[in-house]
Amino acid sequence: MSTLNDEMATVRSDVDDVRDHIRAEVPKLFEFDVTVGTISYNANSDSVSVTVEPSSRAREQLSDELGGVNVRTDGQLEFEFRVTNTDAE
């Protein structure tokens, strides 16, 4: 029988794996460099929220992509991913 500490360590490891996965995958959604900021879990809605900010190179990359126009990159984006369960066979 596992102890509470063992179970907590397992959960912590699972949470760290999810955070690592999010940090690796979310930037691939953009055509410019972004920095993943805060990652938080909301137990009430069973979701994970992620903040994303354009990196210091993003303005230059976007300007080049759009033909040299001036680009402002103020603020951040926030994404909320709902946790889903699938039955393993």
Protein backbone atom coordinates (compact mmCIF):
# COMPACT_ATOMS: atom_id res chain seq x y z
CA MET A 1 0.00 0.00 0.00
CA SER A 2 1.41 3.37 -0.96
CA THR A 3 1.66 6.20 1.50
CA LEU A 4 0.17 9.63 1.09
CA ASN A 5 3.65 11.01 0.44
CA ASP A 6 4.16 8.49 -2.40
CA GLU A 7 0.82 9.44 -3.96
CA MET A 8 1.58 13.15 -3.64
CA ALA A 9 4.96 12.61 -5.32
CA THR A 10 3.23 10.79 -8.18
CA VAL A 11 0.71 13.61 -8.62
CA ARG A 12 3.49 16.18 -8.50
CA SER A 13 5.36 14.28 -11.20
CA ASP A 14 2.23 14.11 -13.37
CA VAL A 15 1.64 17.85 -12.96
CA ASP A 16 5.26 18.58 -13.89
CA ASP A 17 4.89 16.39 -16.99
CA VAL A 18 1.78 18.33 -18.06
CA ARG A 19 3.55 21.66 -17.52
CA ASP A 20 6.55 20.49 -19.55
CA HIS A 21 4.24 19.33 -22.34
CA ILE A 22 2.39 22.66 -22.39
CA ARG A 23 5.64 24.65 -22.42
CA ALA A 24 6.84 22.60 -25.41
CA GLU A 25 3.61 22.51 -27.44
CA VAL A 26 1.92 25.92 -27.01
CA PRO A 27 4.70 27.92 -28.77
CA LYS A 28 4.21 25.70 -31.84
CA LEU A 29 0.77 27.27 -32.29
CA PHE A 30 2.34 30.59 -33.32
CA GLU A 31 4.29 31.74 -36.38
CA PHE A 32 6.46 33.96 -34.15
CA ASP A 33 8.42 33.48 -30.94
CA VAL A 34 6.41 33.47 -27.73
CA THR A 35 7.22 32.91 -24.10
CA VAL A 36 4.96 30.70 -22.00
CA GLY A 37 4.35 32.39 -18.66
CA THR A 38 2.11 31.22 -15.87
CA ILE A 39 0.58 27.76 -15.97
CA SER A 40 -2.12 27.17 -13.37
CA TYR A 41 -4.65 24.45 -12.64
CA ASN A 42 -8.23 25.34 -11.71
CA ALA A 43 -9.81 22.48 -9.77
CA ASN A 44 -13.30 24.06 -9.93
CA SER A 45 -13.45 23.89 -13.72
CA ASP A 46 -10.90 21.07 -14.12
CA SER A 47 -8.87 23.19 -16.52
CA VAL A 48 -5.35 24.48 -17.03
CA SER A 49 -4.75 28.16 -17.83
CA VAL A 50 -1.66 29.30 -19.68
CA THR A 51 -0.44 32.83 -20.34
CA VAL A 52 1.61 33.53 -23.46
CA GLU A 53 3.54 36.68 -24.29
CA PRO A 54 5.32 37.62 -27.51
CA SER A 55 9.08 37.25 -27.11
CA SER A 56 11.50 40.11 -27.66
CA ARG A 57 11.96 38.95 -31.29
CA ALA A 58 8.23 38.71 -32.06
CA ARG A 59 7.83 42.29 -33.33
CA GLU A 60 10.68 41.87 -35.80
CA GLN A 61 9.37 38.49 -36.97
CA LEU A 62 5.83 39.81 -37.42
CA SER A 63 7.04 42.92 -39.21
CA ASP A 64 9.07 40.81 -41.65
CA GLU A 65 6.11 38.48 -42.21
CA LEU A 66 3.77 41.41 -42.91
CA GLY A 67 6.11 43.23 -45.28
CA GLY A 68 7.81 45.70 -42.96
CA VAL A 69 4.83 47.25 -41.19
CA ASN A 70 5.27 48.51 -37.64
CA VAL A 71 3.97 46.02 -35.08
CA ARG A 72 3.03 46.59 -31.43
CA THR A 73 2.98 43.59 -29.13
CA ASP A 74 1.53 44.85 -25.86
CA GLY A 75 -0.08 42.48 -23.44
CA GLN A 76 -0.45 38.77 -23.24
CA LEU A 77 -2.80 36.01 -24.33
CA GLU A 78 -4.44 33.57 -21.95
CA PHE A 79 -5.58 30.10 -22.96
CA GLU A 80 -7.71 27.73 -20.93
CA PHE A 81 -7.50 24.02 -21.67
CA ARG A 82 -10.19 21.74 -20.26
CA VAL A 83 -8.96 18.49 -18.80
CA THR A 84 -10.60 15.46 -20.40
CA ASN A 85 -10.52 11.87 -19.33
CA THR A 86 -10.40 8.99 -21.75
CA ASP A 87 -10.94 5.37 -20.89
CA ALA A 88 -7.77 3.37 -21.43
CA GLU A 89 -8.38 0.00 -22.99
